[in-house]
């Protein structure tokens, strides 16, 4: 972690508690899928629940990405430090590329 990152909080921190609650709900969904498999439920029902978990995780990821852009990337651009701005821009592009590959 760079000195800049330790001096500043991350973009999602102000919204941390709702994010944690969402993660707990997603965790519960995954446990529910496990129970469905244990109970030998119908394949399509399990796949439907897996799709719901994937959608929930993607939604959470996009929210964190949005916070990253509005806080971390915007802060780097506003700092006037071209190296910091370039680094945050590169991080953003890499994150977007990871999302694009998973689709």
N, C-alpha and C. Protein backbone atom coordinates (compact mmCIF):
# COMPACT_ATOMS: atom_id res chain seq x y z
N UNK A 1 0.85 -1.16 0.00
CA UNK A 1 0.00 0.00 0.00
C UNK A 1 0.90 1.23 0.00
N UNK A 2 0.61 2.19 -0.88
CA UNK A 2 1.45 3.37 -0.97
C UNK A 2 1.16 4.33 0.18
N UNK A 3 2.06 5.29 0.34
CA UNK A 3 1.88 6.27 1.40
C UNK A 3 0.60 7.07 1.19
N UNK A 4 0.28 7.36 -0.08
CA UNK A 4 -0.95 8.09 -0.39
C UNK A 4 -2.18 7.32 0.06
N UNK A 5 -2.17 5.99 -0.17
CA UNK A 5 -3.32 5.17 0.21
C UNK A 5 -3.49 5.08 1.72
N UNK A 6 -2.39 5.05 2.46
CA UNK A 6 -2.51 4.96 3.91
C UNK A 6 -2.97 6.29 4.50
N UNK A 7 -2.67 7.41 3.83
CA UNK A 7 -3.06 8.72 4.34
C UNK A 7 -4.52 9.04 4.05
N UNK A 8 -5.12 8.39 3.05
CA UNK A 8 -6.49 8.67 2.64
C UNK A 8 -7.32 7.40 2.77
N UNK A 9 -8.57 7.59 3.14
CA UNK A 9 -9.45 6.42 3.18
C UNK A 9 -9.92 6.09 1.77
N UNK A 10 -10.32 4.85 1.59
CA UNK A 10 -10.79 4.39 0.29
C UNK A 10 -12.21 4.87 0.05
N UNK A 11 -12.62 4.91 -1.21
CA UNK A 11 -13.90 5.46 -1.60
C UNK A 11 -15.11 4.78 -0.98
N UNK A 12 -15.03 3.50 -0.71
CA UNK A 12 -16.19 2.77 -0.20
C UNK A 12 -16.36 2.89 1.31
N UNK A 13 -15.39 3.45 2.01
CA UNK A 13 -15.38 3.43 3.48
C UNK A 13 -16.62 4.09 4.09
N UNK A 14 -17.08 5.19 3.51
CA UNK A 14 -18.27 5.86 4.05
C UNK A 14 -19.52 5.01 3.90
N UNK A 15 -19.47 4.03 3.03
CA UNK A 15 -20.62 3.17 2.75
C UNK A 15 -20.34 1.73 3.19
N UNK A 16 -19.39 1.56 4.09
CA UNK A 16 -18.90 0.23 4.46
C UNK A 16 -19.98 -0.65 5.10
N UNK A 17 -20.73 -0.14 6.04
CA UNK A 17 -21.72 -0.97 6.74
C UNK A 17 -22.77 -1.55 5.80
N UNK A 18 -23.37 -0.75 4.90
CA UNK A 18 -24.32 -1.35 3.95
C UNK A 18 -23.66 -2.38 3.03
N UNK A 19 -22.40 -2.14 2.67
CA UNK A 19 -21.69 -3.12 1.83
C UNK A 19 -21.51 -4.44 2.57
N UNK A 20 -21.15 -4.35 3.83
CA UNK A 20 -20.98 -5.57 4.64
C UNK A 20 -22.31 -6.31 4.79
N UNK A 21 -23.39 -5.57 4.99
CA UNK A 21 -24.72 -6.21 5.07
C UNK A 21 -25.06 -6.93 3.77
N UNK A 22 -24.76 -6.29 2.64
CA UNK A 22 -25.02 -6.94 1.35
C UNK A 22 -24.18 -8.20 1.21
N UNK A 23 -22.92 -8.13 1.62
CA UNK A 23 -22.07 -9.32 1.55
C UNK A 23 -22.61 -10.45 2.42
N UNK A 24 -23.14 -10.12 3.57
CA UNK A 24 -23.73 -11.15 4.44
C UNK A 24 -24.96 -11.77 3.78
N UNK A 25 -25.77 -10.95 3.09
CA UNK A 25 -26.94 -11.50 2.38
C UNK A 25 -26.48 -12.44 1.26
N UNK A 26 -25.44 -12.03 0.54
CA UNK A 26 -24.91 -12.87 -0.54
C UNK A 26 -24.36 -14.18 0.04
N UNK A 27 -23.67 -14.06 1.15
CA UNK A 27 -23.16 -15.26 1.82
C UNK A 27 -24.31 -16.21 2.17
N UNK A 28 -25.42 -15.66 2.64
CA UNK A 28 -26.59 -16.46 2.95
C UNK A 28 -27.17 -17.12 1.70
N UNK A 29 -27.14 -16.40 0.59
CA UNK A 29 -27.62 -16.98 -0.67
C UNK A 29 -26.75 -18.18 -1.05
N UNK A 30 -25.45 -18.05 -0.89
CA UNK A 30 -24.55 -19.15 -1.24
C UNK A 30 -24.81 -20.35 -0.34
N UNK A 31 -25.02 -20.10 0.95
CA UNK A 31 -25.34 -21.22 1.86
C UNK A 31 -26.65 -21.88 1.44
N UNK A 32 -27.59 -21.07 0.96
CA UNK A 32 -28.86 -21.61 0.47
C UNK A 32 -28.66 -22.52 -0.73
N UNK A 33 -27.74 -22.15 -1.60
CA UNK A 33 -27.43 -23.00 -2.76
C UNK A 33 -26.82 -24.31 -2.29
N UNK A 34 -25.95 -24.23 -1.31
CA UNK A 34 -25.36 -25.45 -0.76
C UNK A 34 -26.45 -26.39 -0.24
N UNK A 35 -27.42 -25.81 0.50
CA UNK A 35 -28.53 -26.63 1.01
C UNK A 35 -29.33 -27.25 -0.13
N UNK A 36 -29.53 -26.47 -1.20
CA UNK A 36 -30.27 -26.99 -2.35
C UNK A 36 -29.57 -28.21 -2.94
N UNK A 37 -28.25 -28.14 -3.04
CA UNK A 37 -27.48 -29.27 -3.57
C UNK A 37 -27.59 -30.46 -2.62
N UNK A 38 -27.46 -30.20 -1.32
CA UNK A 38 -27.59 -31.28 -0.34
C UNK A 38 -28.95 -31.94 -0.42
N UNK A 39 -29.99 -31.15 -0.69
CA UNK A 39 -31.36 -31.67 -0.77
C UNK A 39 -31.71 -32.21 -2.16
N UNK A 40 -30.71 -32.18 -3.05
CA UNK A 40 -30.89 -32.69 -4.42
C UNK A 40 -32.05 -32.00 -5.13
N UNK A 41 -32.06 -30.68 -5.04
CA UNK A 41 -33.10 -29.89 -5.70
C UNK A 41 -32.89 -29.89 -7.21
N UNK A 42 -33.88 -29.45 -7.93
CA UNK A 42 -33.87 -29.43 -9.38
C UNK A 42 -32.75 -28.53 -9.91
N UNK A 43 -32.05 -29.02 -10.93
CA UNK A 43 -30.87 -28.33 -11.49
C UNK A 43 -31.15 -26.87 -11.85
N UNK A 44 -32.25 -26.64 -12.54
CA UNK A 44 -32.55 -25.29 -13.01
C UNK A 44 -32.79 -24.34 -11.83
N UNK A 45 -33.39 -24.84 -10.77
CA UNK A 45 -33.60 -24.01 -9.58
C UNK A 45 -32.25 -23.60 -8.97
N UNK A 46 -31.31 -24.52 -8.95
CA UNK A 46 -29.97 -24.22 -8.43
C UNK A 46 -29.28 -23.20 -9.33
N UNK A 47 -29.35 -23.41 -10.64
CA UNK A 47 -28.73 -22.48 -11.57
C UNK A 47 -29.33 -21.09 -11.46
N UNK A 48 -30.63 -21.01 -11.22
CA UNK A 48 -31.29 -19.72 -11.04
C UNK A 48 -30.73 -19.00 -9.83
N UNK A 49 -30.51 -19.72 -8.75
CA UNK A 49 -29.96 -19.11 -7.55
C UNK A 49 -28.49 -18.71 -7.74
N UNK A 50 -27.75 -19.50 -8.48
CA UNK A 50 -26.36 -19.14 -8.78
C UNK A 50 -26.32 -17.85 -9.59
N UNK A 51 -27.20 -17.73 -10.56
CA UNK A 51 -27.27 -16.51 -11.36
C UNK A 51 -27.61 -15.30 -10.48
N UNK A 52 -28.49 -15.51 -9.51
CA UNK A 52 -28.84 -14.42 -8.59
C UNK A 52 -27.64 -13.98 -7.76
N UNK A 53 -26.84 -14.94 -7.32
CA UNK A 53 -25.63 -14.61 -6.55
C UNK A 53 -24.65 -13.85 -7.44
N UNK A 54 -24.46 -14.32 -8.66
CA UNK A 54 -23.56 -13.62 -9.58
C UNK A 54 -24.01 -12.19 -9.81
N UNK A 55 -25.31 -11.99 -10.01
CA UNK A 55 -25.85 -10.65 -10.20
C UNK A 55 -25.62 -9.79 -8.97
N UNK A 56 -25.84 -10.35 -7.80
CA UNK A 56 -25.64 -9.60 -6.56
C UNK A 56 -24.17 -9.20 -6.38
N UNK A 57 -23.26 -10.11 -6.68
CA UNK A 57 -21.83 -9.80 -6.59
C UNK A 57 -21.42 -8.74 -7.60
N UNK A 58 -21.93 -8.84 -8.83
CA UNK A 58 -21.62 -7.84 -9.85
C UNK A 58 -22.14 -6.47 -9.43
N UNK A 59 -23.33 -6.43 -8.89
CA UNK A 59 -23.89 -5.16 -8.43
C UNK A 59 -23.03 -4.54 -7.35
N UNK A 60 -22.60 -5.35 -6.41
CA UNK A 60 -21.73 -4.88 -5.33
C UNK A 60 -20.40 -4.39 -5.91
N UNK A 61 -19.84 -5.14 -6.83
CA UNK A 61 -18.57 -4.75 -7.45
C UNK A 61 -18.70 -3.43 -8.19
N UNK A 62 -19.78 -3.23 -8.91
CA UNK A 62 -19.97 -1.97 -9.62
C UNK A 62 -20.14 -0.80 -8.65
N UNK A 63 -20.76 -1.04 -7.52
CA UNK A 63 -20.88 0.02 -6.53
C UNK A 63 -19.49 0.40 -5.99
N UNK A 64 -18.68 -0.59 -5.71
CA UNK A 64 -17.32 -0.31 -5.22
C UNK A 64 -16.50 0.36 -6.32
N UNK A 65 -16.66 -0.07 -7.56
CA UNK A 65 -15.97 0.56 -8.68
C UNK A 65 -16.40 2.01 -8.83
N UNK A 66 -17.69 2.27 -8.69
CA UNK A 66 -18.21 3.64 -8.75
C UNK A 66 -17.58 4.50 -7.65
N UNK A 67 -17.51 3.96 -6.44
CA UNK A 67 -16.87 4.68 -5.34
C UNK A 67 -15.39 4.93 -5.64
N UNK A 68 -14.74 3.96 -6.26
CA UNK A 68 -13.32 4.10 -6.61
C UNK A 68 -13.14 5.26 -7.60
N UNK A 69 -14.00 5.31 -8.61
CA UNK A 69 -13.89 6.37 -9.61
C UNK A 69 -14.15 7.73 -8.98
N UNK A 70 -15.23 7.83 -8.21
CA UNK A 70 -15.63 9.12 -7.64
C UNK A 70 -14.71 9.60 -6.54
N UNK A 71 -14.01 8.70 -5.90
CA UNK A 71 -13.15 9.09 -4.78
C UNK A 71 -11.67 8.96 -5.13
N UNK A 72 -11.23 7.77 -5.40
CA UNK A 72 -9.79 7.51 -5.59
C UNK A 72 -9.27 8.10 -6.90
N UNK A 73 -9.95 7.80 -8.01
CA UNK A 73 -9.49 8.30 -9.30
C UNK A 73 -9.65 9.82 -9.36
N UNK A 74 -10.81 10.31 -8.93
CA UNK A 74 -11.04 11.77 -8.95
C UNK A 74 -10.01 12.48 -8.06
N UNK A 75 -9.70 11.90 -6.92
CA UNK A 75 -8.71 12.50 -6.03
C UNK A 75 -7.32 12.52 -6.66
N UNK A 76 -6.98 11.46 -7.36
CA UNK A 76 -5.68 11.41 -8.03
C UNK A 76 -5.60 12.46 -9.13
N UNK A 77 -6.68 12.61 -9.89
CA UNK A 77 -6.69 13.63 -10.94
C UNK A 77 -6.62 15.03 -10.35
N UNK A 78 -7.33 15.25 -9.26
CA UNK A 78 -7.35 16.58 -8.63
C UNK A 78 -6.03 16.90 -7.93
N UNK A 79 -5.26 15.89 -7.62
CA UNK A 79 -4.00 16.11 -6.88
C UNK A 79 -2.97 16.87 -7.71
N UNK A 80 -3.09 16.80 -9.01
CA UNK A 80 -2.11 17.44 -9.87
C UNK A 80 -0.86 16.61 -10.07
N UNK A 81 -0.79 15.46 -9.44
CA UNK A 81 0.37 14.57 -9.57
C UNK A 81 0.13 13.66 -10.77
N UNK A 82 0.85 13.88 -11.88
CA UNK A 82 0.59 13.07 -13.08
C UNK A 82 0.87 11.58 -12.88
N UNK A 83 1.86 11.24 -12.05
CA UNK A 83 2.15 9.82 -11.82
C UNK A 83 1.02 9.15 -11.06
N UNK A 84 0.49 9.83 -10.04
CA UNK A 84 -0.63 9.28 -9.28
C UNK A 84 -1.87 9.16 -10.16
N UNK A 85 -2.13 10.19 -10.96
CA UNK A 85 -3.29 10.15 -11.85
C UNK A 85 -3.16 9.01 -12.86
N UNK A 86 -1.99 8.82 -13.41
CA UNK A 86 -1.76 7.75 -14.37
C UNK A 86 -1.94 6.38 -13.70
N UNK A 87 -1.41 6.24 -12.50
CA UNK A 87 -1.52 4.96 -11.78
C UNK A 87 -2.98 4.63 -11.49
N UNK A 88 -3.75 5.60 -11.02
CA UNK A 88 -5.18 5.34 -10.73
C UNK A 88 -5.95 5.07 -12.02
N UNK A 89 -5.60 5.76 -13.09
CA UNK A 89 -6.25 5.50 -14.38
C UNK A 89 -5.95 4.09 -14.86
N UNK A 90 -4.69 3.67 -14.70
CA UNK A 90 -4.32 2.30 -15.09
C UNK A 90 -5.07 1.27 -14.25
N UNK A 91 -5.17 1.51 -12.95
CA UNK A 91 -5.93 0.60 -12.07
C UNK A 91 -7.37 0.48 -12.53
N UNK A 92 -7.97 1.63 -12.87
CA UNK A 92 -9.36 1.65 -13.32
C UNK A 92 -9.53 0.83 -14.60
N UNK A 93 -8.65 1.04 -15.56
CA UNK A 93 -8.74 0.29 -16.80
C UNK A 93 -8.57 -1.21 -16.57
N UNK A 94 -7.66 -1.59 -15.70
CA UNK A 94 -7.46 -3.01 -15.39
C UNK A 94 -8.72 -3.60 -14.75
N UNK A 95 -9.34 -2.85 -13.86
CA UNK A 95 -10.57 -3.34 -13.21
C UNK A 95 -11.68 -3.52 -14.24
N UNK A 96 -11.83 -2.57 -15.14
CA UNK A 96 -12.86 -2.67 -16.17
C UNK A 96 -12.56 -3.85 -17.09
N UNK A 97 -11.30 -4.05 -17.42
CA UNK A 97 -10.94 -5.20 -18.26
C UNK A 97 -11.26 -6.52 -17.57
N UNK A 98 -11.05 -6.60 -16.26
CA UNK A 98 -11.40 -7.83 -15.52
C UNK A 98 -12.90 -8.09 -15.61
N UNK A 99 -13.70 -7.04 -15.47
CA UNK A 99 -15.15 -7.21 -15.60
C UNK A 99 -15.52 -7.66 -17.01
N UNK A 100 -14.89 -7.09 -17.99
CA UNK A 100 -15.21 -7.43 -19.39
C UNK A 100 -14.87 -8.88 -19.69
N UNK A 101 -13.78 -9.39 -19.12
CA UNK A 101 -13.37 -10.79 -19.36
C UNK A 101 -14.32 -11.78 -18.71
N UNK A 102 -14.97 -11.39 -17.62
CA UNK A 102 -15.84 -12.33 -16.92
C UNK A 102 -17.21 -12.43 -17.55
N UNK A 103 -17.48 -11.68 -18.54
CA UNK A 103 -18.81 -11.69 -19.19
C UNK A 103 -18.79 -12.52 -20.43
